[in-house]
Amino acid sequence: MNTVTKFKRTWVALALLAVTLIAPAAASAQSPWGKDYFPNVTLTTQDNRQVKFYDDVLKGKVLVVNFMF
């Protein structure tokens, strides 16, 4: 695995960690954490599939992230 790939994976992992910490607040209907708060950028999965950060990864879900190095 080259340095660029490690760098990208690290940033995706950090973004997912941040989302995991914020996700319980997103479940509340009166919460400010919604589609207008999170960017809907395009990400590439480990399977080289393009997904939208909010629409495909966050919306209506609770996330759990596990890091192993």
C-alpha atoms as a PDB file:
ATOM      1  CA  MET A   1       0.000   0.000   0.000  1.00  0.00           C
ATOM      2  CA  ASN A   2       1.497   3.329  -1.013  1.00  0.00           C
ATOM      3  CA  THR A   3       1.660   6.509   1.055  1.00  0.00           C
ATOM      4  CA  VAL A   4      -1.164   8.275  -0.807  1.00  0.00           C
ATOM      5  CA  THR A   5      -3.538   5.355  -0.217  1.00  0.00           C
ATOM      6  CA  LYS A   6      -2.668   5.291   3.485  1.00  0.00           C
ATOM      7  CA  PHE A   7      -3.231   9.046   3.687  1.00  0.00           C
ATOM      8  CA  LYS A   8      -6.668   8.807   2.024  1.00  0.00           C
ATOM      9  CA  ARG A   9      -7.733   5.910   4.211  1.00  0.00           C
ATOM     10  CA  THR A  10      -6.616   7.752   7.324  1.00  0.00           C
ATOM     11  CA  TRP A  11      -8.713  10.809   6.426  1.00  0.00           C
ATOM     12  CA  VAL A  12     -11.763   8.697   5.615  1.00  0.00           C
ATOM     13  CA  ALA A  13     -11.349   6.853   8.906  1.00  0.00           C
ATOM     14  CA  LEU A  14     -11.092  10.133  10.834  1.00  0.00           C
ATOM     15  CA  ALA A  15     -14.200  11.482   9.086  1.00  0.00           C
ATOM     16  CA  LEU A  16     -16.127   8.339   9.958  1.00  0.00           C
ATOM     17  CA  LEU A  17     -14.982   8.588  13.573  1.00  0.00           C
ATOM     18  CA  ALA A  18     -16.239  12.159  13.764  1.00  0.00           C
ATOM     19  CA  VAL A  19     -19.564  11.087  12.298  1.00  0.00           C
ATOM     20  CA  THR A  20     -19.841   8.244  14.798  1.00  0.00           C
ATOM     21  CA  LEU A  21     -19.476  10.675  17.660  1.00  0.00           C
ATOM     22  CA  ILE A  22     -22.115  13.015  16.218  1.00  0.00           C
ATOM     23  CA  ALA A  23     -24.601  10.397  14.914  1.00  0.00           C
ATOM     24  CA  PRO A  24     -26.673   9.988  18.112  1.00  0.00           C
ATOM     25  CA  ALA A  25     -27.537  13.693  17.961  1.00  0.00           C
ATOM     26  CA  ALA A  26     -28.598  13.292  14.322  1.00  0.00           C
ATOM     27  CA  ALA A  27     -31.346  10.886  15.360  1.00  0.00           C
ATOM     28  CA  SER A  28     -33.260  13.667  17.077  1.00  0.00           C
ATOM     29  CA  ALA A  29     -35.806  15.476  14.888  1.00  0.00           C
ATOM     30  CA  GLN A  30     -34.988  18.802  16.568  1.00  0.00           C
ATOM     31  CA  SER A  31     -31.250  18.403  16.132  1.00  0.00           C
ATOM     32  CA  PRO A  32     -29.233  20.792  13.940  1.00  0.00           C
ATOM     33  CA  TRP A  33     -27.187  17.840  12.631  1.00  0.00           C
ATOM     34  CA  GLY A  34     -28.763  17.152   9.273  1.00  0.00           C
ATOM     35  CA  LYS A  35     -28.225  17.346   5.555  1.00  0.00           C
ATOM     36  CA  ASP A  36     -27.411  21.054   5.763  1.00  0.00           C
ATOM     37  CA  TYR A  37     -24.677  20.428   8.362  1.00  0.00           C
ATOM     38  CA  PHE A  38     -22.709  17.556   6.801  1.00  0.00           C
ATOM     39  CA  PRO A  39     -21.065  17.877   3.387  1.00  0.00           C
ATOM     40  CA  ASN A  40     -22.366  15.518   0.731  1.00  0.00           C
ATOM     41  CA  VAL A  41     -19.002  14.970  -0.926  1.00  0.00           C
ATOM     42  CA  THR A  42     -18.234  11.943  -3.056  1.00  0.00           C
ATOM     43  CA  LEU A  43     -16.054   9.298  -1.382  1.00  0.00           C
ATOM     44  CA  THR A  44     -14.493   6.137  -2.771  1.00  0.00           C
ATOM     45  CA  THR A  45     -14.981   2.905  -0.824  1.00  0.00           C
ATOM     46  CA  GLN A  46     -12.455   0.110  -0.409  1.00  0.00           C
ATOM     47  CA  ASP A  47     -14.273  -1.607  -3.297  1.00  0.00           C
ATOM     48  CA  ASN A  48     -13.603   1.418  -5.540  1.00  0.00           C
ATOM     49  CA  ARG A  49     -17.310   2.371  -5.501  1.00  0.00           C
ATOM     50  CA  GLN A  50     -18.361   6.035  -5.411  1.00  0.00           C
ATOM     51  CA  VAL A  51     -20.713   7.008  -2.537  1.00  0.00           C
ATOM     52  CA  LYS A  52     -22.106  10.318  -1.288  1.00  0.00           C
ATOM     53  CA  PHE A  53     -21.034  11.087   2.289  1.00  0.00           C
ATOM     54  CA  TYR A  54     -24.413  12.180   3.638  1.00  0.00           C
ATOM     55  CA  ASP A  55     -26.895  10.465   1.302  1.00  0.00           C
ATOM     56  CA  ASP A  56     -25.230   7.033   1.220  1.00  0.00           C
ATOM     57  CA  VAL A  57     -23.164   6.865   4.419  1.00  0.00           C
ATOM     58  CA  LEU A  58     -24.960   8.943   7.086  1.00  0.00           C
ATOM     59  CA  LYS A  59     -28.627   9.532   6.334  1.00  0.00           C
ATOM     60  CA  GLY A  60     -30.880   7.551   8.652  1.00  0.00           C
ATOM     61  CA  LYS A  61     -28.074   5.370   9.998  1.00  0.00           C
ATOM     62  CA  VAL A  62     -26.082   4.846  13.164  1.00  0.00           C
ATOM     63  CA  LEU A  63     -22.416   4.186  12.436  1.00  0.00           C
ATOM     64  CA  VAL A  64     -19.845   2.196  14.361  1.00  0.00           C
ATOM     65  CA  VAL A  65     -16.212   2.542  13.345  1.00  0.00           C
ATOM     66  CA  ASN A  66     -13.411   0.205  14.401  1.00  0.00           C
ATOM     67  CA  PHE A  67      -9.763   1.122  13.823  1.00  0.00           C
ATOM     68  CA  MET A  68      -7.004  -1.444  13.702  1.00  0.00           C
ATOM     69  CA  PHE A  69      -3.446  -0.555  12.763  1.00  0.00           C
END
